[in-house]
Protein backbone atom coordinates (compact mmCIF):
# COMPACT_ATOMS: atom_id res chain seq x y z
CA MET A 1 26.75 32.53 -10.14
CA LYS A 2 26.56 31.08 -6.66
CA LYS A 3 24.21 27.99 -6.58
CA VAL A 4 22.38 26.85 -3.29
CA ILE A 5 20.55 23.66 -2.84
CA THR A 6 18.09 22.63 -0.13
CA TYR A 7 15.86 19.66 0.50
CA GLY A 8 12.63 18.97 2.26
CA THR A 9 9.25 17.18 2.22
CA TYR A 10 7.28 20.44 2.38
CA ASP A 11 4.12 18.75 3.44
CA LEU A 12 1.31 21.29 4.29
CA LEU A 13 3.75 24.14 3.34
CA HIS A 14 3.75 26.73 6.18
CA TYR A 15 5.53 29.93 7.08
CA GLY A 16 8.37 27.98 8.71
CA HIS A 17 9.09 26.37 5.32
CA ILE A 18 8.90 29.64 3.54
CA ALA A 19 11.21 31.37 6.02
CA LEU A 20 13.79 28.71 5.63
CA LEU A 21 13.54 28.92 1.85
CA LYS A 22 14.01 32.78 2.03
CA ARG A 23 17.14 32.24 4.10
CA ALA A 24 18.58 29.62 1.63
CA LYS A 25 17.78 31.95 -1.26
CA ALA A 26 19.66 34.87 0.32
CA LEU A 27 22.88 32.72 0.44
CA GLY A 28 23.30 32.76 -3.32
CA ASP A 29 22.08 33.70 -6.75
CA TYR A 30 20.18 30.48 -7.72
CA LEU A 31 18.15 28.24 -5.51
CA ILE A 32 17.48 24.59 -6.21
CA VAL A 33 14.88 22.98 -4.00
CA GLY A 34 14.75 19.18 -3.75
CA VAL A 35 11.27 17.72 -2.81
CA THR A 36 11.20 14.17 -1.54
CA SER A 37 9.18 11.64 -3.68
CA ASP A 38 6.31 9.70 -2.12
CA ALA A 39 8.30 6.43 -2.40
CA PHE A 40 11.39 7.92 -0.81
CA ASP A 41 9.34 9.15 2.16
CA LYS A 42 7.93 5.62 2.61
CA ASN A 43 11.26 4.01 2.33
CA ARG A 44 12.72 6.16 5.11
CA GLY A 45 9.68 5.51 7.36
CA LYS A 46 8.07 8.93 6.98
CA LEU A 47 4.51 7.74 6.89
CA ASN A 48 2.49 10.78 7.99
CA VAL A 49 2.88 12.84 4.80
CA GLN A 50 -0.55 14.12 3.75
CA GLN A 51 0.11 15.52 0.31
CA THR A 52 1.44 13.88 -2.89
CA VAL A 53 4.70 14.95 -4.37
CA VAL A 54 2.86 16.73 -7.15
CA GLU A 55 0.93 18.80 -4.59
CA ARG A 56 4.06 19.51 -2.57
CA ILE A 57 6.02 20.67 -5.62
CA GLU A 58 3.19 22.93 -6.69
CA ALA A 59 3.19 24.61 -3.20
CA VAL A 60 6.87 25.23 -3.29
CA LYS A 61 6.51 26.56 -6.87
CA ARG A 62 3.85 28.99 -5.72
CA THR A 63 6.31 30.65 -3.23
CA GLY A 64 8.35 32.05 -6.21
CA LEU A 65 11.50 31.34 -4.31
CA ALA A 66 12.83 28.30 -6.12
CA ASP A 67 14.70 28.83 -9.36
CA GLU A 68 14.49 25.05 -9.99
CA ILE A 69 12.74 22.27 -8.33
CA ILE A 70 13.92 18.58 -8.39
CA VAL A 71 12.62 15.37 -6.91
CA GLU A 72 14.70 13.47 -4.31
CA GLU A 73 14.08 9.85 -4.94
CA TYR A 74 16.89 7.85 -3.14
CA GLU A 75 19.40 7.72 -0.39
CA GLY A 76 22.69 9.28 -1.52
CA GLN A 77 21.23 11.46 -4.20
CA LYS A 78 22.46 14.62 -2.48
CA ILE A 79 26.02 14.06 -3.48
CA SER A 80 25.00 13.25 -6.97
CA ASP A 81 22.86 16.42 -7.24
CA ILE A 82 25.63 18.59 -5.76
CA LYS A 83 28.04 17.46 -8.47
CA LYS A 84 25.50 17.43 -11.23
CA TYR A 85 24.30 20.98 -10.63
CA LYS A 86 27.76 22.40 -9.54
CA VAL A 87 26.28 23.52 -6.25
CA ASP A 88 28.33 25.89 -4.00
CA ILE A 89 26.24 25.80 -0.83
CA PHE A 90 24.01 23.01 0.72
CA ALA A 91 21.53 24.61 3.17
CA ILE A 92 19.28 22.79 5.64
CA GLY A 93 17.39 23.46 8.93
CA SER A 94 19.42 23.61 12.17
CA ASP A 95 17.35 20.60 13.54
CA TRP A 96 19.63 18.60 11.17
CA ARG A 97 22.89 20.03 12.63
CA GLY A 98 25.81 17.67 12.13
CA LYS A 99 23.77 15.20 10.00
CA PHE A 100 25.13 16.49 6.71
CA ASP A 101 28.65 17.45 7.65
CA TYR A 102 29.99 14.79 5.24
CA LEU A 103 28.81 17.00 2.33
CA ASN A 104 31.50 19.59 3.25
CA GLU A 105 33.76 17.43 1.02
CA TYR A 106 31.66 18.57 -2.04
CA CYS A 107 30.48 22.06 -1.11
CA GLN A 108 29.87 24.41 1.85
CA VAL A 109 27.25 23.27 4.38
CA ILE A 110 25.19 25.76 6.17
CA TYR A 111 22.61 24.91 8.89
CA LEU A 112 19.81 27.52 8.85
CA LYS A 113 17.93 28.59 12.07
CA ARG A 114 14.56 26.89 12.25
CA THR A 115 11.47 28.84 12.75
CA GLU A 116 10.05 28.07 16.19
CA GLY A 117 6.40 27.49 16.94
CA VAL A 118 5.39 25.68 13.80
CA SER A 119 5.82 22.29 12.24
CA SER A 120 4.07 20.08 9.68
CA THR A 121 3.56 17.44 12.42
CA GLU A 122 1.64 19.92 14.58
CA LEU A 123 -0.37 21.14 11.59
CA ARG A 124 -1.32 17.59 10.66
CA ALA A 125 -2.45 16.95 14.27
CA THR A 126 -4.59 20.12 14.18
CA LYS A 127 -6.09 19.54 10.76
CA ASN A 128 -6.85 15.91 11.25
CA PRO A 129 -8.17 14.67 14.61
CA LEU A 130 -6.99 11.20 15.81
CA ILE A 131 -8.95 8.41 14.16
CA LYS A 132 -10.04 5.79 16.66
CA ILE A 133 -10.12 2.31 15.10
CA GLY A 134 -11.72 -0.81 16.49
CA VAL A 135 -10.71 -4.36 15.41
CA VAL A 136 -13.37 -6.99 14.45
CA GLY A 137 -11.79 -10.44 14.64
CA ILE A 138 -8.31 -11.11 16.05
CA GLY A 139 -7.10 -14.02 13.91
CA ASN A 140 -4.07 -13.78 11.69
CA PRO A 141 -2.90 -11.11 10.78
CA THR A 142 -4.76 -8.82 13.20
CA GLU A 143 -1.99 -8.81 15.92
CA ARG A 144 0.62 -7.76 13.32
CA ILE A 145 -1.74 -5.02 12.12
CA ILE A 146 -2.03 -3.70 15.71
CA GLN A 147 1.74 -3.69 16.03
CA GLU A 148 2.37 -1.86 12.80
CA SER A 149 -0.39 0.71 13.57
CA LEU A 150 1.97 2.12 16.24
CA TYR A 151 4.11 3.55 13.40
CA VAL A 152 1.35 5.40 11.71
CA SER A 153 0.45 8.83 13.04
CA GLY A 154 -3.16 10.03 12.98
CA LEU A 155 -4.80 6.70 14.14
CA GLU A 156 -5.16 4.70 17.25
CA MET A 157 -6.23 1.08 17.43
CA CYS A 158 -7.99 1.18 20.76
CA ALA A 159 -10.60 -1.50 20.84
CA ALA A 160 -11.33 -5.09 19.68
CA TYR A 161 -14.23 -7.44 19.38
CA ASP A 162 -14.29 -11.19 18.64
CA GLU A 163 -17.14 -13.31 19.71
CA GLN A 164 -15.36 -16.60 19.22
CA ASN A 165 -11.74 -16.08 19.96
CA LYS A 166 -10.65 -16.98 23.54
CA LYS A 167 -7.42 -14.96 23.10
CA LEU A 168 -9.26 -11.62 22.90
CA SER A 169 -8.60 -10.64 26.55
CA ALA A 170 -4.92 -11.58 26.42
CA ILE A 171 -4.31 -9.63 23.18
CA CYS A 172 -6.19 -6.59 24.37
CA GLU A 173 -4.20 -6.63 27.65
CA LYS A 174 -0.89 -6.98 25.73
CA TYR A 175 -1.59 -3.87 23.66
CA ASN A 176 -3.48 -1.91 26.19
CA ILE A 177 -6.69 -1.77 24.14
CA THR A 178 -10.30 -2.20 25.30
CA ALA A 179 -12.02 -5.64 24.73
CA TYR A 180 -15.74 -5.35 23.85
CA SER A 181 -18.33 -8.10 24.32
CA SER A 182 -20.85 -6.22 22.29
CA LEU A 183 -20.01 -5.17 18.66
CA GLU A 184 -22.59 -2.41 18.67
CA ASN A 185 -21.17 -0.88 21.78
CA MET A 186 -17.69 -0.73 20.22
CA LEU A 187 -18.94 0.68 16.85
CA GLN A 188 -20.64 3.51 18.76
CA GLU A 189 -17.33 4.60 20.15
CA MET A 190 -15.12 4.20 17.01
CA ASP A 191 -14.50 6.32 13.86
CA ALA A 192 -13.37 3.30 11.79
CA VAL A 193 -13.04 -0.47 11.93
CA TYR A 194 -10.64 -3.10 10.69
CA ILE A 195 -12.49 -6.36 9.89
CA ASN A 196 -10.82 -9.69 9.83
CA ALA A 197 -13.55 -12.37 9.83
CA LEU A 198 -14.53 -15.30 7.63
CA LEU A 199 -15.64 -14.20 4.15
CA PRO A 200 -19.42 -15.04 4.56
CA LYS A 201 -19.62 -12.63 7.43
CA HIS A 202 -18.03 -9.63 5.63
CA ASP A 203 -21.16 -8.10 4.17
CA ILE A 204 -23.11 -8.23 7.40
CA LEU A 205 -20.30 -6.70 9.41
CA ILE A 206 -19.48 -4.03 6.78
CA GLU A 207 -23.14 -2.99 6.54
CA LYS A 208 -23.44 -2.78 10.35
CA ALA A 209 -20.17 -0.74 10.63
CA LEU A 210 -21.31 1.70 7.88
CA ASN A 211 -24.74 2.20 9.53
CA PHE A 212 -22.85 3.18 12.68
CA GLU A 213 -21.08 5.76 10.70
CA CYS A 214 -17.65 3.95 10.70
CA HIS A 215 -15.16 3.91 7.88
CA VAL A 216 -14.16 0.30 7.00
CA LEU A 217 -10.89 -1.48 6.17
CA CYS A 218 -11.59 -5.20 5.46
CA GLU A 219 -9.35 -8.12 4.80
CA SER A 220 -9.45 -9.64 1.34
CA PRO A 221 -11.43 -10.88 -0.46
CA ILE A 222 -13.73 -8.03 0.69
CA PHE A 223 -16.90 -9.61 -0.78
CA MET A 224 -18.10 -12.87 -2.07
CA ASN A 225 -20.08 -11.45 -5.00
CA ARG A 226 -20.70 -8.41 -7.11
CA SER A 227 -24.14 -7.76 -5.76
CA ASP A 228 -22.87 -7.28 -2.22
CA ALA A 229 -20.08 -5.10 -3.52
CA ASP A 230 -22.49 -2.74 -5.48
CA LYS A 231 -24.87 -2.58 -2.57
CA LEU A 232 -22.25 -1.76 0.13
CA PHE A 233 -20.03 0.55 -1.90
CA GLU A 234 -23.15 2.44 -2.68
CA LEU A 235 -24.08 2.61 0.96
CA ALA A 236 -20.56 3.83 1.85
CA LYS A 237 -20.88 6.57 -0.84
CA LYS A 238 -24.22 7.64 0.71
CA LYS A 239 -22.76 7.68 4.14
CA ASN A 240 -19.50 9.48 2.84
CA LYS A 241 -17.40 6.77 4.48
CA VAL A 242 -14.33 4.94 3.21
CA LEU A 243 -14.80 1.31 2.37
CA PHE A 244 -11.46 -0.34 1.41
CA GLU A 245 -9.89 -3.70 0.91
CA ALA A 246 -6.71 -4.53 2.84
CA ILE A 247 -4.07 -5.73 0.42
CA LYS A 248 -0.75 -4.48 1.67
CA THR A 249 1.27 -5.49 -1.38
CA ILE A 250 -0.33 -2.68 -3.40
CA PHE A 251 1.30 -0.02 -1.20
CA PHE A 252 4.87 -1.33 -1.04
CA PRO A 253 7.35 1.15 -2.59
CA ALA A 254 8.65 -1.42 -4.97
CA PHE A 255 5.24 -2.54 -6.22
CA GLU A 256 4.33 1.16 -6.75
CA HIS A 257 7.51 1.68 -8.83
CA LEU A 258 6.93 -1.56 -10.73
CA MET A 259 3.47 -0.34 -11.81
CA LEU A 260 5.00 2.97 -12.97
CA ILE A 261 7.69 1.14 -15.03
CA VAL A 262 5.05 -1.16 -16.63
CA ASN A 263 2.89 1.79 -17.56
CA SER A 264 5.86 3.70 -18.99
CA GLY A 265 6.16 1.23 -21.80
CA ILE A 266 9.81 0.39 -21.10
CA ILE A 267 9.25 -3.31 -21.68
CA GLY A 268 6.84 -2.68 -24.62
CA GLY A 269 3.27 -3.99 -24.83
CA ILE A 270 2.34 -6.41 -22.20
CA ARG A 271 1.35 -9.76 -23.60
CA ASP A 272 1.36 -12.14 -20.64
CA ILE A 273 1.60 -12.19 -16.81
CA GLU A 274 2.37 -15.21 -14.56
CA VAL A 275 1.70 -14.96 -10.86
CA SER A 276 2.01 -17.61 -8.19
CA CYS A 277 1.21 -17.60 -4.43
CA SER A 278 1.30 -20.55 -2.11
CA HIS A 279 2.18 -21.74 1.42
CA ILE A 280 1.86 -24.88 3.59
CA PRO A 281 0.47 -23.73 6.98
CA GLU A 282 1.44 -25.54 10.09
CA ASN A 283 -2.18 -25.88 11.15
CA LEU A 284 -3.39 -27.28 7.83
CA GLU A 285 -5.05 -30.24 9.55
CA GLU A 286 -7.09 -27.81 11.74
CA ILE A 287 -8.24 -25.62 8.98
CA LYS A 288 -8.96 -27.92 5.99
CA GLY A 289 -12.49 -28.44 7.24
CA GLU A 290 -13.16 -24.69 6.75
CA LYS A 291 -14.13 -24.07 3.11
CA TYR A 292 -13.40 -20.26 3.24
CA LYS A 293 -9.84 -20.86 4.44
CA GLY A 294 -9.01 -22.54 1.10
CA SER A 295 -6.40 -21.25 -1.28
CA MET A 296 -8.66 -19.13 -3.56
CA TYR A 297 -10.32 -17.32 -0.68
CA ASP A 298 -6.85 -16.86 1.11
CA TRP A 299 -4.70 -15.84 -1.94
CA GLY A 300 -7.03 -15.14 -4.88
CA SER A 301 -7.41 -11.31 -4.53
CA ILE A 302 -3.67 -11.01 -3.89
CA ALA A 303 -2.69 -12.97 -6.92
CA LEU A 304 -5.13 -11.14 -9.20
CA VAL A 305 -4.29 -7.63 -8.24
CA PRO A 306 -1.23 -7.20 -10.45
CA ILE A 307 -3.11 -8.75 -13.38
CA ILE A 308 -6.10 -6.57 -13.08
CA LYS A 309 -4.07 -3.39 -12.42
CA ILE A 310 -1.76 -4.03 -15.50
CA LEU A 311 -4.11 -5.57 -18.03
CA GLY A 312 -7.33 -4.03 -16.89
CA THR A 313 -10.76 -5.14 -15.77
CA GLU A 314 -12.10 -6.03 -19.24
CA TYR A 315 -11.04 -9.59 -19.60
CA GLU A 316 -12.87 -11.71 -22.06
CA ARG A 317 -13.14 -14.91 -20.06
CA CYS A 318 -11.65 -16.58 -16.97
CA SER A 319 -11.05 -20.44 -16.82
CA MET A 320 -10.09 -22.07 -13.58
CA TYR A 321 -9.00 -25.52 -12.44
CA ASP A 322 -9.86 -26.30 -8.82
CA TYR A 323 -7.90 -29.00 -6.96
CA GLU A 324 -9.91 -29.90 -3.97
CA SER A 325 -10.66 -32.66 -1.45
CA ASN A 326 -13.64 -32.92 0.85
CA GLY A 327 -14.71 -29.42 -0.11
CA PHE A 328 -11.42 -27.80 0.81
CA ASN A 329 -9.65 -25.88 -2.06
CA TYR A 330 -5.92 -26.72 -2.06
CA PHE A 331 -4.87 -25.30 -5.40
CA VAL A 332 -6.22 -23.23 -8.34
CA ARG A 333 -4.85 -22.60 -11.71
CA GLY A 334 -6.52 -19.82 -13.48
CA LEU A 335 -6.28 -18.35 -17.01
CA LEU A 336 -7.60 -14.91 -17.94
CA LYS A 337 -7.96 -14.18 -21.65
CA TYR A 338 -7.84 -10.51 -22.85
CA LYS A 339 -8.17 -9.06 -26.33
CA ASN A 340 -4.43 -8.92 -26.77
CA ALA A 341 -2.94 -10.62 -23.73
CA THR A 342 -3.19 -13.61 -21.34
CA ALA A 343 -2.52 -14.01 -17.60
CA VAL A 344 -2.06 -17.12 -15.53
CA PHE A 345 -2.46 -17.23 -11.80
CA LYS A 346 -1.72 -20.06 -9.39
CA VAL A 347 -2.78 -20.13 -5.73
CA GLY A 348 -2.09 -22.94 -3.25
CA LYS A 349 -2.58 -23.88 0.35
CA GLY A 350 -1.16 -27.16 1.45
CA ILE A 351 0.87 -27.18 -1.69
CA LYS A 352 4.00 -25.39 -2.76
CA THR A 353 5.03 -23.64 -6.02
CA GLU A 354 7.55 -20.93 -6.85
CA GLY A 355 6.02 -17.72 -5.65
CA GLN A 356 7.34 -15.51 -8.43
CA MET A 357 5.79 -13.00 -10.96
CA ILE A 358 6.82 -12.64 -14.58
CA ILE A 359 5.52 -9.80 -16.79
CA THR A 360 6.11 -10.48 -20.48
CA GLY A 361 6.51 -7.57 -22.80
CA THR A 362 7.31 -7.05 -26.46
CA LYS A 363 10.68 -5.45 -25.55
CA GLY A 364 11.69 -7.27 -22.41
CA TYR A 365 10.19 -8.75 -19.22
CA ILE A 366 10.03 -8.03 -15.50
CA TYR A 367 11.04 -10.71 -13.13
CA VAL A 368 9.92 -10.49 -9.47
CA PRO A 369 11.36 -13.28 -7.28
CA ALA A 370 9.52 -15.14 -4.58
CA PRO A 371 7.80 -14.06 -2.52
CA TRP A 372 6.69 -11.45 -5.00
CA TRP A 373 3.82 -10.31 -2.73
CA LYS A 374 6.38 -8.96 -0.32
CA THR A 375 7.99 -7.03 -3.17
CA ASP A 376 11.24 -5.24 -2.44
CA TYR A 377 13.29 -6.24 -5.47
CA PHE A 378 12.75 -6.77 -9.19
CA GLU A 379 14.58 -6.96 -12.44
CA ILE A 380 13.96 -5.72 -15.95
CA ARG A 381 15.53 -8.25 -18.41
CA TYR A 382 16.15 -7.82 -22.09
CA GLU A 383 17.48 -10.07 -24.94
CA ASP A 384 20.89 -8.76 -24.14
CA LEU A 385 21.26 -9.76 -20.43
CA ARG A 386 23.95 -7.13 -20.05
CA ALA A 387 21.22 -4.56 -20.21
CA THR A 388 19.45 -6.08 -17.13
CA LYS A 389 18.31 -3.40 -14.68
CA LYS A 390 17.87 -4.15 -10.99
CA TYR A 391 15.66 -2.27 -8.63
CA PHE A 392 15.55 -2.54 -4.84
CA TYR A 393 13.12 -0.58 -2.70
CA ARG A 394 13.15 -1.22 1.12
CA TYR A 395 10.02 -1.42 3.09
CA GLU A 396 9.56 -1.08 6.90
CA GLY A 397 8.17 -3.84 9.10
CA GLU A 398 5.83 -6.29 7.45
CA GLY A 399 4.23 -3.67 5.23
CA PHE A 400 0.85 -3.38 6.93
CA ARG A 401 1.66 0.13 7.94
CA TYR A 402 1.44 1.32 4.33
CA GLU A 403 -2.08 0.13 3.87
CA LEU A 404 -3.03 1.71 7.14
CA LEU A 405 -1.45 4.91 5.98
CA GLU A 406 -3.51 4.92 2.80
CA PHE A 407 -6.74 4.28 4.84
CA VAL A 408 -5.98 7.29 7.10
CA LYS A 409 -5.24 9.55 4.15
CA MET A 410 -8.48 8.59 2.39
CA ILE A 411 -10.42 9.41 5.60
CA ASN A 412 -8.63 12.69 6.20
CA GLN A 413 -8.85 13.84 2.62
CA ASN A 414 -12.49 12.74 2.31
CA GLN A 415 -11.71 10.31 -0.63
CA ILE A 416 -13.91 7.19 -1.14
CA GLU A 417 -11.61 6.07 -4.00
CA SER A 418 -7.96 5.35 -3.90
CA TYR A 419 -5.48 5.93 -6.77
CA TYR A 420 -3.70 2.81 -5.78
CA TYR A 421 -6.73 0.40 -6.00
CA SER A 422 -10.04 1.52 -7.40
CA GLN A 423 -13.47 0.10 -6.69
CA ARG A 424 -13.67 -0.87 -10.38
CA GLU A 425 -10.59 -3.04 -9.91
CA MET A 426 -11.94 -4.48 -6.61
CA LYS A 427 -15.25 -5.43 -8.24
CA SER A 428 -13.47 -7.08 -11.19
CA ILE A 429 -11.68 -9.35 -8.78
CA ILE A 430 -14.70 -9.99 -6.72
CA GLY A 431 -16.32 -11.15 -9.96
CA ILE A 432 -13.71 -13.86 -10.28
CA ILE A 433 -14.08 -14.86 -6.65
CA GLU A 434 -17.78 -15.14 -7.28
CA GLN A 435 -17.25 -17.28 -10.32
CA PHE A 436 -15.01 -19.62 -8.28
CA ASP A 437 -17.42 -19.71 -5.34
CA GLY A 438 -20.30 -20.44 -7.57
CA GLY A 439 -18.57 -23.64 -8.90
CA LYS A 440 -17.98 -22.31 -12.35
CA VAL A 441 -14.64 -24.11 -12.59
CA GLU A 442 -13.28 -27.46 -13.66
CA LYS A 443 -12.83 -29.55 -10.53
CA LEU A 444 -9.84 -31.93 -10.13
CA ASN A 445 -9.26 -34.34 -7.35
CA PHE A 446 -6.36 -33.17 -5.19
CA ASP A 447 -5.85 -36.68 -3.61
CA LEU A 448 -5.03 -38.42 -6.84
């Protein structure tokens, strides 16, 4: 029996894909089709895929051409698959000519003629019109968001508004985007907005954007209290608009895999999580007069995300110790008590601690080195250290492109909820921010 293998993403499966699968099928007796995983696509910078791997596999299955379907998850897997399945022929589209000649050492490589006049890229462009995004507030990290938006198809950051920042004109000129002196005028022209403003202004800006029929991506923490969250998530639902919190860590390929591994039970039942985030900014003297630039407002949502995603939203109590001076929050140590687990989070600004994450299980633990929020590497460790497993997942740029990609997907697929980060999870974290902001903490003097 002659075995043939081919690979592809098969996003928005079209007649070009089907024609290539038919040609591959005709080369032998048994066709194996490798479909790229979501994480693998992200790792290699393919950020415009519209469908999940499950949807793409199902589409290939429905053609009836594949005798077996496998998932391609990492660079170099093709050699392993060819050996494992005793493949005779590797077939791929002619647009890859020469790229896979190295596989001739393991089997015959055949480049198949590509069907002209159709591509997934063209279909995506036809199916989903370009989303015009305006920026509200150009402080950190807005400029980096603008830079990374250039790598995400289907969107254009084309306008900016900031009533206070004198750098607005310079940044707009640098990236060839329009500077607006009126927020309302900008919102009238946009499909969506990215909001990066001080926390107390979030609810007003979000409500205004939604009433102008704009989708909203807002920096964390998205709200100060549950009341605002309930009200504006309900308004977004009524308007059929996406309202989402910008936390890039959630969308890193390594973080996504880490969540899958935790949920698989490989380290047993989770009994404790320790998370730390801190930094000492160069402009500390300038910002320490701004309450809402303190550590809990800056880092709180980020530190709490893995805890809430792993242990859930139903914690029994939250205790926090707030180290402050003159109203500025330098450091917080928090403890969440669950029915059968605990979690500790530490966030600091103007103070330094090891920015690692440790997830403790009944069979082993996961260690994510600093800075864990830029996750690209983690280890699973057991009693026998020889059994340690190490995982590395590259990400592109600074990671902002991944949250932008999810935002665009949610808009195009008319989804107001994200699998990666639900409104229930957001509201649970907002509740802890509200507790802190309301002074329900034990205050300690940072200066002593």
